[in-house]
């Protein structure tokens, strides 16, 4: 029987397209369907007949596991009763979305995904969880539109739901969780390893950025650490254990120490940046940071220009920015440090601590 192609609105799921596809799945047939990442081909999870057909359609080793697709967290309970704290953090952070979590169940583990595409979720809501895989032959590139998926595996499916190109066009990130809460990155997609680490460990990472990372931003880092420690009634060394990472970097840094005047200014405030070595802003710094505080408007503009994905995380320390004290004397550096502290106390500390 030739495959039936049904166009469906990618934003809305009204009409009988979903019902027809659900009926086919309930009848142990295979259906091609869209997700936000790539097109998938799925079978009803509780049907051994359909699962066997899916392995044949994919053209791969029958012993290789496929991913369970669910429409909401409530459906997970029938398969995994106690996901664990680490899994809960990941699900809260990234579901629904392009993350497949392989839970430590049995010898192979159980991969589970909760897609965000409304067509996929409504289909799974109607017929129950699916086992699914990307709609392509094993070893071939994943398909991001219905036509390519049908050309690849359409001979094995009864219905294809066509909602146009996949919005993201890249396969999901796949990670494996271990019993001790660690994770292994099996395939990195739009969700990076650093994003996973942050979600698992609950870090609040704050990055201060100035020009050379020799005066303003290292002073801001030291002052912020001191204020945080006092608010949390702990030492600055304990901040990481309390979930805070404070860093600094420069737009153009040469790797040298903090300026002598910056070190003396911090000494007089009871702080130390003697071991500081300037570092240039890197893409990893921007990706890891939950909050990026620039010391001048020009720094903020540069970061937003080079890293547009971080625009909403980059902010000016105060309304005007803080002038560069480089080349100035003791009074200039002292006023600079006082402005930084005032801005942090009045504008930032309450929000940082409350996160």
C-alpha atoms as a PDB file:
ATOM      1  CA  UNK A   1       0.000   0.000   0.000  1.00  0.00           C
ATOM      2  CA  UNK A   2       1.466   3.409  -0.929  1.00  0.00           C
ATOM      3  CA  UNK A   3       2.165   5.777   1.913  1.00  0.00           C
ATOM      4  CA  UNK A   4      -0.458   8.418   2.639  1.00  0.00           C
ATOM      5  CA  UNK A   5       0.953  11.924   3.017  1.00  0.00           C
ATOM      6  CA  UNK A   6      -1.088  14.291   5.174  1.00  0.00           C
ATOM      7  CA  UNK A   7      -0.191  17.953   5.461  1.00  0.00           C
ATOM      8  CA  UNK A   8      -0.589  19.306   8.954  1.00  0.00           C
ATOM      9  CA  UNK A   9      -0.102  22.764  10.421  1.00  0.00           C
ATOM     10  CA  UNK A  10       3.127  22.779  12.437  1.00  0.00           C
ATOM     11  CA  UNK A  11       1.667  25.221  14.954  1.00  0.00           C
ATOM     12  CA  UNK A  12      -1.809  23.761  15.386  1.00  0.00           C
ATOM     13  CA  UNK A  13      -3.074  20.189  15.434  1.00  0.00           C
ATOM     14  CA  UNK A  14      -6.782  20.594  14.760  1.00  0.00           C
ATOM     15  CA  UNK A  15      -8.487  18.260  12.269  1.00  0.00           C
ATOM     16  CA  UNK A  16      -8.360  14.528  11.781  1.00  0.00           C
ATOM     17  CA  UNK A  17      -4.732  14.127  10.634  1.00  0.00           C
ATOM     18  CA  UNK A  18      -3.550  13.222  14.124  1.00  0.00           C
ATOM     19  CA  UNK A  19      -6.455  10.810  14.631  1.00  0.00           C
ATOM     20  CA  UNK A  20      -5.652   8.981  11.380  1.00  0.00           C
ATOM     21  CA  UNK A  21      -1.988   8.658  12.264  1.00  0.00           C
ATOM     22  CA  UNK A  22      -2.861   7.525  15.797  1.00  0.00           C
ATOM     23  CA  UNK A  23      -5.196   4.869  14.423  1.00  0.00           C
ATOM     24  CA  UNK A  24      -2.447   3.560  12.158  1.00  0.00           C
ATOM     25  CA  UNK A  25      -0.032   3.323  15.081  1.00  0.00           C
ATOM     26  CA  UNK A  26      -2.615   1.523  17.201  1.00  0.00           C
ATOM     27  CA  UNK A  27      -2.932  -0.957  14.304  1.00  0.00           C
ATOM     28  CA  UNK A  28       0.820  -1.776  14.625  1.00  0.00           C
ATOM     29  CA  UNK A  29       1.733   0.359  11.597  1.00  0.00           C
ATOM     30  CA  UNK A  30       4.581   2.876  11.316  1.00  0.00           C
ATOM     31  CA  UNK A  31       4.155   6.638  10.945  1.00  0.00           C
ATOM     32  CA  UNK A  32       6.596   9.328   9.835  1.00  0.00           C
ATOM     33  CA  UNK A  33       6.171  12.475  11.920  1.00  0.00           C
ATOM     34  CA  UNK A  34       7.886  15.822  12.495  1.00  0.00           C
ATOM     35  CA  UNK A  35       9.831  16.913  15.549  1.00  0.00           C
ATOM     36  CA  UNK A  36      11.581  20.206  16.204  1.00  0.00           C
ATOM     37  CA  UNK A  37      14.924  18.571  15.347  1.00  0.00           C
ATOM     38  CA  UNK A  38      14.474  16.091  12.458  1.00  0.00           C
ATOM     39  CA  UNK A  39      11.710  13.882  11.083  1.00  0.00           C
ATOM     40  CA  UNK A  40      11.150  10.626  12.909  1.00  0.00           C
ATOM     41  CA  UNK A  41       9.532   7.291  12.184  1.00  0.00           C
ATOM     42  CA  UNK A  42       7.693   5.739  15.080  1.00  0.00           C
ATOM     43  CA  UNK A  43       5.871   2.679  16.347  1.00  0.00           C
ATOM     44  CA  UNK A  44       3.575   2.170  19.301  1.00  0.00           C
ATOM     45  CA  UNK A  45       5.882   1.474  22.230  1.00  0.00           C
ATOM     46  CA  UNK A  46       3.808  -1.403  23.610  1.00  0.00           C
ATOM     47  CA  UNK A  47       3.625  -3.316  20.310  1.00  0.00           C
ATOM     48  CA  UNK A  48       6.359  -5.893  19.726  1.00  0.00           C
ATOM     49  CA  UNK A  49       5.118  -6.370  16.152  1.00  0.00           C
ATOM     50  CA  UNK A  50       5.476  -2.675  15.393  1.00  0.00           C
ATOM     51  CA  UNK A  51       8.872  -2.447  17.086  1.00  0.00           C
ATOM     52  CA  UNK A  52      10.161  -5.268  14.894  1.00  0.00           C
ATOM     53  CA  UNK A  53       8.845  -3.473  11.810  1.00  0.00           C
ATOM     54  CA  UNK A  54      10.620  -0.318  12.914  1.00  0.00           C
ATOM     55  CA  UNK A  55      13.956  -2.106  13.281  1.00  0.00           C
ATOM     56  CA  UNK A  56      13.535  -3.495   9.767  1.00  0.00           C
ATOM     57  CA  UNK A  57      12.627  -0.060   8.366  1.00  0.00           C
ATOM     58  CA  UNK A  58      15.716   1.462   9.964  1.00  0.00           C
ATOM     59  CA  UNK A  59      17.941  -1.298   8.613  1.00  0.00           C
ATOM     60  CA  UNK A  60      20.023  -1.796  11.735  1.00  0.00           C
ATOM     61  CA  UNK A  61      20.913  -4.397  14.336  1.00  0.00           C
ATOM     62  CA  UNK A  62      17.733  -5.561  16.104  1.00  0.00           C
ATOM     63  CA  UNK A  63      19.593  -5.425  19.424  1.00  0.00           C
ATOM     64  CA  UNK A  64      20.271  -1.692  19.144  1.00  0.00           C
ATOM     65  CA  UNK A  65      17.807   0.231  21.335  1.00  0.00           C
ATOM     66  CA  UNK A  66      15.577   3.025  20.102  1.00  0.00           C
ATOM     67  CA  UNK A  67      14.270   6.061  21.912  1.00  0.00           C
ATOM     68  CA  UNK A  68      11.017   6.231  23.831  1.00  0.00           C
ATOM     69  CA  UNK A  69       9.070   9.376  22.920  1.00  0.00           C
ATOM     70  CA  UNK A  70       6.571  10.785  25.411  1.00  0.00           C
ATOM     71  CA  UNK A  71       4.212  13.754  25.270  1.00  0.00           C
ATOM     72  CA  UNK A  72       4.502  14.866  28.902  1.00  0.00           C
ATOM     73  CA  UNK A  73       6.253  13.975  32.137  1.00  0.00           C
ATOM     74  CA  UNK A  74       3.258  11.999  33.416  1.00  0.00           C
ATOM     75  CA  UNK A  75       3.884   9.313  30.771  1.00  0.00           C
ATOM     76  CA  UNK A  76       7.379   8.681  32.114  1.00  0.00           C
ATOM     77  CA  UNK A  77       6.105   7.007  35.295  1.00  0.00           C
ATOM     78  CA  UNK A  78       5.024   3.833  33.501  1.00  0.00           C
ATOM     79  CA  UNK A  79       8.607   3.299  32.353  1.00  0.00           C
ATOM     80  CA  UNK A  80      10.787   4.926  35.025  1.00  0.00           C
ATOM     81  CA  UNK A  81       9.263   5.349  38.457  1.00  0.00           C
ATOM     82  CA  UNK A  82      12.146   7.185  40.161  1.00  0.00           C
ATOM     83  CA  UNK A  83      14.191   9.212  37.643  1.00  0.00           C
ATOM     84  CA  UNK A  84      16.499  10.650  40.339  1.00  0.00           C
ATOM     85  CA  UNK A  85      17.524  14.176  41.241  1.00  0.00           C
ATOM     86  CA  UNK A  86      19.959  14.638  38.364  1.00  0.00           C
ATOM     87  CA  UNK A  87      17.410  13.582  35.772  1.00  0.00           C
ATOM     88  CA  UNK A  88      14.834  15.875  37.363  1.00  0.00           C
ATOM     89  CA  UNK A  89      17.201  18.831  36.952  1.00  0.00           C
ATOM     90  CA  UNK A  90      17.736  18.013  33.280  1.00  0.00           C
ATOM     91  CA  UNK A  91      14.053  17.500  32.580  1.00  0.00           C
ATOM     92  CA  UNK A  92      13.181  20.771  34.291  1.00  0.00           C
ATOM     93  CA  UNK A  93      15.829  22.597  32.275  1.00  0.00           C
ATOM     94  CA  UNK A  94      15.401  21.107  28.802  1.00  0.00           C
ATOM     95  CA  UNK A  95      12.081  19.286  28.407  1.00  0.00           C
ATOM     96  CA  UNK A  96      10.181  19.614  26.198  1.00  0.00           C
ATOM     97  CA  UNK A  97      13.074  20.079  23.817  1.00  0.00           C
ATOM     98  CA  UNK A  98      16.010  18.545  21.928  1.00  0.00           C
ATOM     99  CA  UNK A  99      17.486  16.392  24.689  1.00  0.00           C
ATOM    100  CA  UNK A 100      17.399  12.594  24.837  1.00  0.00           C
ATOM    101  CA  UNK A 101      18.211  11.212  28.287  1.00  0.00           C
ATOM    102  CA  UNK A 102      19.423   7.609  28.512  1.00  0.00           C
ATOM    103  CA  UNK A 103      18.357   6.477  31.979  1.00  0.00           C
ATOM    104  CA  UNK A 104      20.360   3.760  33.802  1.00  0.00           C
ATOM    105  CA  UNK A 105      17.727   1.065  33.328  1.00  0.00           C
ATOM    106  CA  UNK A 106      18.829  -2.484  32.482  1.00  0.00           C
ATOM    107  CA  UNK A 107      22.034  -3.289  30.630  1.00  0.00           C
ATOM    108  CA  UNK A 108      21.502  -0.935  27.695  1.00  0.00           C
ATOM    109  CA  UNK A 109      19.669   1.880  29.452  1.00  0.00           C
ATOM    110  CA  UNK A 110      16.453   3.496  28.267  1.00  0.00           C
ATOM    111  CA  UNK A 111      16.623   6.605  26.089  1.00  0.00           C
ATOM    112  CA  UNK A 112      13.672   8.976  26.511  1.00  0.00           C
ATOM    113  CA  UNK A 113      12.791  12.160  24.689  1.00  0.00           C
ATOM    114  CA  UNK A 114       9.974  14.672  25.144  1.00  0.00           C
ATOM    115  CA  UNK A 115       9.828  16.642  21.874  1.00  0.00           C
ATOM    116  CA  UNK A 116       8.524  20.196  21.792  1.00  0.00           C
ATOM    117  CA  UNK A 117       6.926  20.010  18.323  1.00  0.00           C
ATOM    118  CA  UNK A 118       3.134  20.324  18.766  1.00  0.00           C
ATOM    119  CA  UNK A 119       2.371  17.714  16.081  1.00  0.00           C
ATOM    120  CA  UNK A 120       4.647  15.125  17.690  1.00  0.00           C
ATOM    121  CA  UNK A 121       3.276  15.791  21.163  1.00  0.00           C
ATOM    122  CA  UNK A 122      -0.356  15.614  20.084  1.00  0.00           C
ATOM    123  CA  UNK A 123       0.270  12.375  18.202  1.00  0.00           C
ATOM    124  CA  UNK A 124       1.906  10.796  21.271  1.00  0.00           C
ATOM    125  CA  UNK A 125      -0.813  12.198  23.521  1.00  0.00           C
ATOM    126  CA  UNK A 126      -3.456  10.520  21.367  1.00  0.00           C
ATOM    127  CA  UNK A 127      -1.924   7.072  20.902  1.00  0.00           C
ATOM    128  CA  UNK A 128       0.471   6.766  23.856  1.00  0.00           C
ATOM    129  CA  UNK A 129       4.292   6.659  23.970  1.00  0.00           C
ATOM    130  CA  UNK A 130       6.174   5.750  20.803  1.00  0.00           C
ATOM    131  CA  UNK A 131       9.485   4.124  20.169  1.00  0.00           C
ATOM    132  CA  UNK A 132      11.000   6.164  17.394  1.00  0.00           C
ATOM    133  CA  UNK A 133      14.164   6.915  15.519  1.00  0.00           C
ATOM    134  CA  UNK A 134      15.183   9.426  12.901  1.00  0.00           C
ATOM    135  CA  UNK A 135      13.460   8.717   9.585  1.00  0.00           C
ATOM    136  CA  UNK A 136      16.511   7.602   7.623  1.00  0.00           C
ATOM    137  CA  UNK A 137      18.440   4.413   7.000  1.00  0.00           C
ATOM    138  CA  UNK A 138      21.058   3.604   9.604  1.00  0.00           C
ATOM    139  CA  UNK A 139      24.254   5.495   8.825  1.00  0.00           C
ATOM    140  CA  UNK A 140      22.615   8.032   6.494  1.00  0.00           C
ATOM    141  CA  UNK A 141      22.071  11.719   7.348  1.00  0.00           C
ATOM    142  CA  UNK A 142      18.909  12.554   9.280  1.00  0.00           C
ATOM    143  CA  UNK A 143      16.044  14.062   7.294  1.00  0.00           C
ATOM    144  CA  UNK A 144      14.730  17.522   8.083  1.00  0.00           C
ATOM    145  CA  UNK A 145      11.697  17.473   5.763  1.00  0.00           C
ATOM    146  CA  UNK A 146       8.958  15.009   5.006  1.00  0.00           C
ATOM    147  CA  UNK A 147       9.936  14.386   1.381  1.00  0.00           C
ATOM    148  CA  UNK A 148      13.437  13.230   2.335  1.00  0.00           C
ATOM    149  CA  UNK A 149      12.073  11.056   5.122  1.00  0.00           C
ATOM    150  CA  UNK A 150       9.554   9.427   2.775  1.00  0.00           C
ATOM    151  CA  UNK A 151      12.270   8.774   0.194  1.00  0.00           C
ATOM    152  CA  UNK A 152      14.401   7.102   2.855  1.00  0.00           C
ATOM    153  CA  UNK A 153      11.920   4.929   4.759  1.00  0.00           C
ATOM    154  CA  UNK A 154       8.497   5.647   3.266  1.00  0.00           C
ATOM    155  CA  UNK A 155       8.095   2.082   1.977  1.00  0.00           C
ATOM    156  CA  UNK A 156       7.734   0.915   5.577  1.00  0.00           C
ATOM    157  CA  UNK A 157       5.270   3.544   6.825  1.00  0.00           C
ATOM    158  CA  UNK A 158       1.536   3.879   6.312  1.00  0.00           C
ATOM    159  CA  UNK A 159       1.211   7.619   6.965  1.00  0.00           C
ATOM    160  CA  UNK A 160       3.561  10.600   6.847  1.00  0.00           C
ATOM    161  CA  UNK A 161       2.598  13.800   8.624  1.00  0.00           C
ATOM    162  CA  UNK A 162       4.118  16.702   6.697  1.00  0.00           C
ATOM    163  CA  UNK A 163       4.406  19.984   8.604  1.00  0.00           C
ATOM    164  CA  UNK A 164       7.224  21.493   6.555  1.00  0.00           C
ATOM    165  CA  UNK A 165      10.917  21.717   7.427  1.00  0.00           C
ATOM    166  CA  UNK A 166      11.969  20.873  10.978  1.00  0.00           C
ATOM    167  CA  UNK A 167      12.418  24.157  12.870  1.00  0.00           C
ATOM    168  CA  UNK A 168      15.839  23.320  14.343  1.00  0.00           C
ATOM    169  CA  UNK A 169      17.170  21.007  11.649  1.00  0.00           C
ATOM    170  CA  UNK A 170      19.679  19.249  13.917  1.00  0.00           C
ATOM    171  CA  UNK A 171      19.422  15.978  15.817  1.00  0.00           C
ATOM    172  CA  UNK A 172      18.849  16.080  19.562  1.00  0.00           C
ATOM    173  CA  UNK A 173      21.618  15.960  22.128  1.00  0.00           C
ATOM    174  CA  UNK A 174      21.907  12.495  23.669  1.00  0.00           C
ATOM    175  CA  UNK A 175      23.381  11.916  27.119  1.00  0.00           C
ATOM    176  CA  UNK A 176      23.683   8.835  29.296  1.00  0.00           C
ATOM    177  CA  UNK A 177      23.156   9.179  33.044  1.00  0.00           C
ATOM    178  CA  UNK A 178      24.938   6.851  35.455  1.00  0.00           C
ATOM    179  CA  UNK A 179      23.742   5.590  38.818  1.00  0.00           C
ATOM    180  CA  UNK A 180      26.133   7.986  40.591  1.00  0.00           C
ATOM    181  CA  UNK A 181      24.681  11.031  38.833  1.00  0.00           C
ATOM    182  CA  UNK A 182      27.455  11.593  36.292  1.00  0.00           C
ATOM    183  CA  UNK A 183      26.729  11.866  32.570  1.00  0.00           C
ATOM    184  CA  UNK A 184      28.309  10.800  29.300  1.00  0.00           C
ATOM    185  CA  UNK A 185      27.772  12.866  26.169  1.00  0.00           C
ATOM    186  CA  UNK A 186      26.801  10.385  23.446  1.00  0.00           C
ATOM    187  CA  UNK A 187      25.888  12.988  20.829  1.00  0.00           C
ATOM    188  CA  UNK A 188      26.151  16.754  21.183  1.00  0.00           C
ATOM    189  CA  UNK A 189      23.463  18.818  19.477  1.00  0.00           C
ATOM    190  CA  UNK A 190      22.073  22.244  20.249  1.00  0.00           C
ATOM    191  CA  UNK A 191      22.338  21.528  23.980  1.00  0.00           C
ATOM    192  CA  UNK A 192      26.043  21.538  24.806  1.00  0.00           C
ATOM    193  CA  UNK A 193      28.002  19.680  27.460  1.00  0.00           C
ATOM    194  CA  UNK A 194      28.527  22.894  29.415  1.00  0.00           C
ATOM    195  CA  UNK A 195      24.772  23.531  29.433  1.00  0.00           C
ATOM    196  CA  UNK A 196      24.245  20.018  30.784  1.00  0.00           C
ATOM    197  CA  UNK A 197      26.872  20.528  33.479  1.00  0.00           C
ATOM    198  CA  UNK A 198      25.291  23.785  34.604  1.00  0.00           C
ATOM    199  CA  UNK A 199      21.841  22.226  34.796  1.00  0.00           C
ATOM    200  CA  UNK A 200      23.138  19.244  36.776  1.00  0.00           C
ATOM    201  CA  UNK A 201      25.262  21.148  39.240  1.00  0.00           C
ATOM    202  CA  UNK A 202      23.055  24.198  39.636  1.00  0.00           C
ATOM    203  CA  UNK A 203      25.875  26.704  39.220  1.00  0.00           C
ATOM    204  CA  UNK A 204      25.123  30.395  39.034  1.00  0.00           C
ATOM    205  CA  UNK A 205      28.020  31.568  36.856  1.00  0.00           C
ATOM    206  CA  UNK A 206      28.705  35.312  36.742  1.00  0.00           C
ATOM    207  CA  UNK A 207      31.231  36.860  34.382  1.00  0.00           C
ATOM    208  CA  UNK A 208      32.635  40.402  34.612  1.00  0.00           C
ATOM    209  CA  UNK A 209      34.132  41.834  31.415  1.00  0.00           C
ATOM    210  CA  UNK A 210      36.285  44.917  30.825  1.00  0.00           C
ATOM    211  CA  UNK A 211      38.986  45.759  28.289  1.00  0.00           C
ATOM    212  CA  UNK A 212      42.212  44.161  29.497  1.00  0.00           C
ATOM    213  CA  UNK A 213      41.075  42.220  32.588  1.00  0.00           C
ATOM    214  CA  UNK A 214      43.781  43.897  34.667  1.00  0.00           C
ATOM    215  CA  UNK A 215      41.825  46.368  36.815  1.00  0.00           C
ATOM    216  CA  UNK A 216      38.044  46.868  36.605  1.00  0.00           C
ATOM    217  CA  UNK A 217      36.831  43.320  36.019  1.00  0.00           C
ATOM    218  CA  UNK A 218      39.190  41.571  38.492  1.00  0.00           C
ATOM    219  CA  UNK A 219      38.264  44.161  41.111  1.00  0.00           C
ATOM    220  CA  UNK A 220      34.581  43.561  40.337  1.00  0.00           C
ATOM    221  CA  UNK A 221      35.119  39.804  40.683  1.00  0.00           C
ATOM    222  CA  UNK A 222      36.822  40.177  44.073  1.00  0.00           C
ATOM    223  CA  UNK A 223      34.213  42.621  45.384  1.00  0.00           C
ATOM    224  CA  UNK A 224      31.336  40.421  44.178  1.00  0.00           C
ATOM    225  CA  UNK A 225      32.835  37.325  45.802  1.00  0.00           C
ATOM    226  CA  UNK A 226      33.258  39.212  49.080  1.00  0.00           C
ATOM    227  CA  UNK A 227      29.676  40.538  49.035  1.00  0.00           C
ATOM    228  CA  UNK A 228      28.268  37.108  48.185  1.00  0.00           C
ATOM    229  CA  UNK A 229      30.232  35.373  50.933  1.00  0.00           C
ATOM    230  CA  UNK A 230      29.047  37.900  53.511  1.00  0.00           C
ATOM    231  CA  UNK A 231      25.420  37.565  52.402  1.00  0.00           C
ATOM    232  CA  UNK A 232      25.614  33.773  52.482  1.00  0.00           C
ATOM    233  CA  UNK A 233      27.625  33.706  55.728  1.00  0.00           C
ATOM    234  CA  UNK A 234      30.398  31.625  54.227  1.00  0.00           C
ATOM    235  CA  UNK A 235      33.966  32.086  53.048  1.00  0.00           C
ATOM    236  CA  UNK A 236      34.783  33.009  49.463  1.00  0.00           C
ATOM    237  CA  UNK A 237      36.370  29.560  49.111  1.00  0.00           C
ATOM    238  CA  UNK A 238      32.973  28.003  49.870  1.00  0.00           C
ATOM    239  CA  UNK A 239      31.093  29.883  47.127  1.00  0.00           C
ATOM    240  CA  UNK A 240      31.491  27.064  44.606  1.00  0.00           C
ATOM    241  CA  UNK A 241      29.955  24.613  47.058  1.00  0.00           C
ATOM    242  CA  UNK A 242      27.073  27.059  47.449  1.00  0.00           C
ATOM    243  CA  UNK A 243      26.528  27.071  43.664  1.00  0.00           C
ATOM    244  CA  UNK A 244      28.323  30.253  42.583  1.00  0.00           C
ATOM    245  CA  UNK A 245      31.175  30.664  40.120  1.00  0.00           C
ATOM    246  CA  UNK A 246      32.484  34.205  39.674  1.00  0.00           C
ATOM    247  CA  UNK A 247      34.906  34.922  36.805  1.00  0.00           C
ATOM    248  CA  UNK A 248      36.352  37.846  34.877  1.00  0.00           C
ATOM    249  CA  UNK A 249      37.903  38.351  31.456  1.00  0.00           C
ATOM    250  CA  UNK A 250      38.810  41.069  28.974  1.00  0.00           C
ATOM    251  CA  UNK A 251      37.861  41.918  25.424  1.00  0.00           C
ATOM    252  CA  UNK A 252      41.570  42.338  24.627  1.00  0.00           C
ATOM    253  CA  UNK A 253      43.806  40.704  27.227  1.00  0.00           C
ATOM    254  CA  UNK A 254      47.510  39.975  27.209  1.00  0.00           C
ATOM    255  CA  UNK A 255      47.707  37.456  30.027  1.00  0.00           C
ATOM    256  CA  UNK A 256      49.469  39.675  32.550  1.00  0.00           C
ATOM    257  CA  UNK A 257      48.794  40.323  36.248  1.00  0.00           C
ATOM    258  CA  UNK A 258      46.410  42.884  37.674  1.00  0.00           C
ATOM    259  CA  UNK A 259      47.801  46.415  37.751  1.00  0.00           C
ATOM    260  CA  UNK A 260      49.714  47.453  40.843  1.00  0.00           C
ATOM    261  CA  UNK A 261      47.145  50.127  41.697  1.00  0.00           C
ATOM    262  CA  UNK A 262      44.297  47.611  41.411  1.00  0.00           C
ATOM    263  CA  UNK A 263      46.116  45.228  43.754  1.00  0.00           C
ATOM    264  CA  UNK A 264      46.801  48.008  46.280  1.00  0.00           C
ATOM    265  CA  UNK A 265      43.192  49.193  46.129  1.00  0.00           C
ATOM    266  CA  UNK A 266      41.899  45.714  46.855  1.00  0.00           C
ATOM    267  CA  UNK A 267      44.421  45.286  49.668  1.00  0.00           C
ATOM    268  CA  UNK A 268      43.030  48.411  51.355  1.00  0.00           C
ATOM    269  CA  UNK A 269      39.531  46.919  51.098  1.00  0.00           C
ATOM    270  CA  UNK A 270      40.742  43.720  52.744  1.00  0.00           C
ATOM    271  CA  UNK A 271      40.625  41.781  49.472  1.00  0.00           C
ATOM    272  CA  UNK A 272      43.309  40.244  47.280  1.00  0.00           C
ATOM    273  CA  UNK A 273      43.788  39.872  43.539  1.00  0.00           C
ATOM    274  CA  UNK A 274      47.534  39.178  43.836  1.00  0.00           C
ATOM    275  CA  UNK A 275      47.237  35.836  42.037  1.00  0.00           C
ATOM    276  CA  UNK A 276      45.130  37.189  39.186  1.00  0.00           C
ATOM    277  CA  UNK A 277      46.253  36.663  35.575  1.00  0.00           C
ATOM    278  CA  UNK A 278      44.300  38.411  32.868  1.00  0.00           C
ATOM    279  CA  UNK A 279      42.525  36.297  30.274  1.00  0.00           C
ATOM    280  CA  UNK A 280      40.835  37.099  27.013  1.00  0.00           C
ATOM    281  CA  UNK A 281      37.119  36.533  26.630  1.00  0.00           C
ATOM    282  CA  UNK A 282      36.424  33.191  24.919  1.00  0.00           C
ATOM    283  CA  UNK A 283      33.260  31.697  23.480  1.00  0.00           C
ATOM    284  CA  UNK A 284      33.268  29.098  26.271  1.00  0.00           C
ATOM    285  CA  UNK A 285      33.153  31.897  28.850  1.00  0.00           C
ATOM    286  CA  UNK A 286      30.085  33.414  27.212  1.00  0.00           C
ATOM    287  CA  UNK A 287      28.365  30.055  26.806  1.00  0.00           C
ATOM    288  CA  UNK A 288      28.939  29.071  30.438  1.00  0.00           C
ATOM    289  CA  UNK A 289      27.838  32.375  31.968  1.00  0.00           C
ATOM    290  CA  UNK A 290      24.333  32.813  33.370  1.00  0.00           C
ATOM    291  CA  UNK A 291      24.952  36.541  33.833  1.00  0.00           C
ATOM    292  CA  UNK A 292      27.533  38.703  32.045  1.00  0.00           C
ATOM    293  CA  UNK A 293      28.187  42.122  33.580  1.00  0.00           C
ATOM    294  CA  UNK A 294      30.131  44.533  31.395  1.00  0.00           C
ATOM    295  CA  UNK A 295      32.012  47.420  32.946  1.00  0.00           C
ATOM    296  CA  UNK A 296      31.332  49.772  30.026  1.00  0.00           C
ATOM    297  CA  UNK A 297      28.767  50.093  27.255  1.00  0.00           C
ATOM    298  CA  UNK A 298      31.390  49.372  24.593  1.00  0.00           C
ATOM    299  CA  UNK A 299      32.165  45.998  26.201  1.00  0.00           C
ATOM    300  CA  UNK A 300      28.469  45.124  26.207  1.00  0.00           C
ATOM    301  CA  UNK A 301      28.128  46.103  22.537  1.00  0.00           C
ATOM    302  CA  UNK A 302      31.132  43.993  21.531  1.00  0.00           C
ATOM    303  CA  UNK A 303      29.814  40.899  23.325  1.00  0.00           C
ATOM    304  CA  UNK A 304      26.330  41.259  21.887  1.00  0.00           C
ATOM    305  CA  UNK A 305      27.769  41.757  18.408  1.00  0.00           C
ATOM    306  CA  UNK A 306      30.021  38.689  18.527  1.00  0.00           C
ATOM    307  CA  UNK A 307      27.687  36.476  20.589  1.00  0.00           C
ATOM    308  CA  UNK A 308      24.098  37.427  19.665  1.00  0.00           C
ATOM    309  CA  UNK A 309      22.768  34.307  21.397  1.00  0.00           C
ATOM    310  CA  UNK A 310      23.936  35.835  24.691  1.00  0.00           C
ATOM    311  CA  UNK A 311      22.233  39.216  24.209  1.00  0.00           C
ATOM    312  CA  UNK A 312      19.723  38.706  27.015  1.00  0.00           C
ATOM    313  CA  UNK A 313      22.455  37.656  29.458  1.00  0.00           C
ATOM    314  CA  UNK A 314      24.725  40.669  28.919  1.00  0.00           C
ATOM    315  CA  UNK A 315      24.115  43.788  31.028  1.00  0.00           C
ATOM    316  CA  UNK A 316      25.862  47.049  31.890  1.00  0.00           C
ATOM    317  CA  UNK A 317      26.964  47.239  35.527  1.00  0.00           C
ATOM    318  CA  UNK A 318      25.124  50.533  36.024  1.00  0.00           C
ATOM    319  CA  UNK A 319      23.394  53.152  33.892  1.00  0.00           C
ATOM    320  CA  UNK A 320      26.574  54.770  32.579  1.00  0.00           C
ATOM    321  CA  UNK A 321      29.337  52.205  32.936  1.00  0.00           C
ATOM    322  CA  UNK A 322      32.536  52.696  34.931  1.00  0.00           C
ATOM    323  CA  UNK A 323      35.473  54.634  33.511  1.00  0.00           C
ATOM    324  CA  UNK A 324      38.779  52.870  32.958  1.00  0.00           C
ATOM    325  CA  UNK A 325      41.183  53.835  35.793  1.00  0.00           C
ATOM    326  CA  UNK A 326      44.271  52.639  33.921  1.00  0.00           C
ATOM    327  CA  UNK A 327      47.084  55.148  34.324  1.00  0.00           C
ATOM    328  CA  UNK A 328      45.348  56.872  37.233  1.00  0.00           C
ATOM    329  CA  UNK A 329      46.505  57.216  40.785  1.00  0.00           C
ATOM    330  CA  UNK A 330      45.268  55.863  44.099  1.00  0.00           C
ATOM    331  CA  UNK A 331      42.204  58.147  44.257  1.00  0.00           C
ATOM    332  CA  UNK A 332      41.098  57.171  40.744  1.00  0.00           C
ATOM    333  CA  UNK A 333      41.276  53.458  41.537  1.00  0.00           C
ATOM    334  CA  UNK A 334      39.558  53.921  44.888  1.00  0.00           C
ATOM    335  CA  UNK A 335      36.631  55.760  43.245  1.00  0.00           C
ATOM    336  CA  UNK A 336      36.449  53.052  40.585  1.00  0.00           C
ATOM    337  CA  UNK A 337      36.251  50.298  43.230  1.00  0.00           C
ATOM    338  CA  UNK A 338      33.639  52.252  45.186  1.00  0.00           C
ATOM    339  CA  UNK A 339      31.494  52.684  42.049  1.00  0.00           C
ATOM    340  CA  UNK A 340      31.727  48.956  41.353  1.00  0.00           C
ATOM    341  CA  UNK A 341      30.723  48.054  44.900  1.00  0.00           C
ATOM    342  CA  UNK A 342      27.845  50.543  44.900  1.00  0.00           C
ATOM    343  CA  UNK A 343      26.498  49.164  41.614  1.00  0.00           C
ATOM    344  CA  UNK A 344      26.741  45.574  42.819  1.00  0.00           C
ATOM    345  CA  UNK A 345      24.987  46.324  46.110  1.00  0.00           C
ATOM    346  CA  UNK A 346      22.234  48.479  44.630  1.00  0.00           C
ATOM    347  CA  UNK A 347      21.572  46.662  41.370  1.00  0.00           C
ATOM    348  CA  UNK A 348      22.824  43.084  41.350  1.00  0.00           C
ATOM    349  CA  UNK A 349      23.318  41.301  44.656  1.00  0.00           C
ATOM    350  CA  UNK A 350      19.669  40.727  45.552  1.00  0.00           C
ATOM    351  CA  UNK A 351      18.937  39.189  42.150  1.00  0.00           C
ATOM    352  CA  UNK A 352      22.074  37.050  42.165  1.00  0.00           C
ATOM    353  CA  UNK A 353      21.371  35.603  45.602  1.00  0.00           C
ATOM    354  CA  UNK A 354      17.683  34.990  44.918  1.00  0.00           C
ATOM    355  CA  UNK A 355      18.315  32.859  41.819  1.00  0.00           C
END
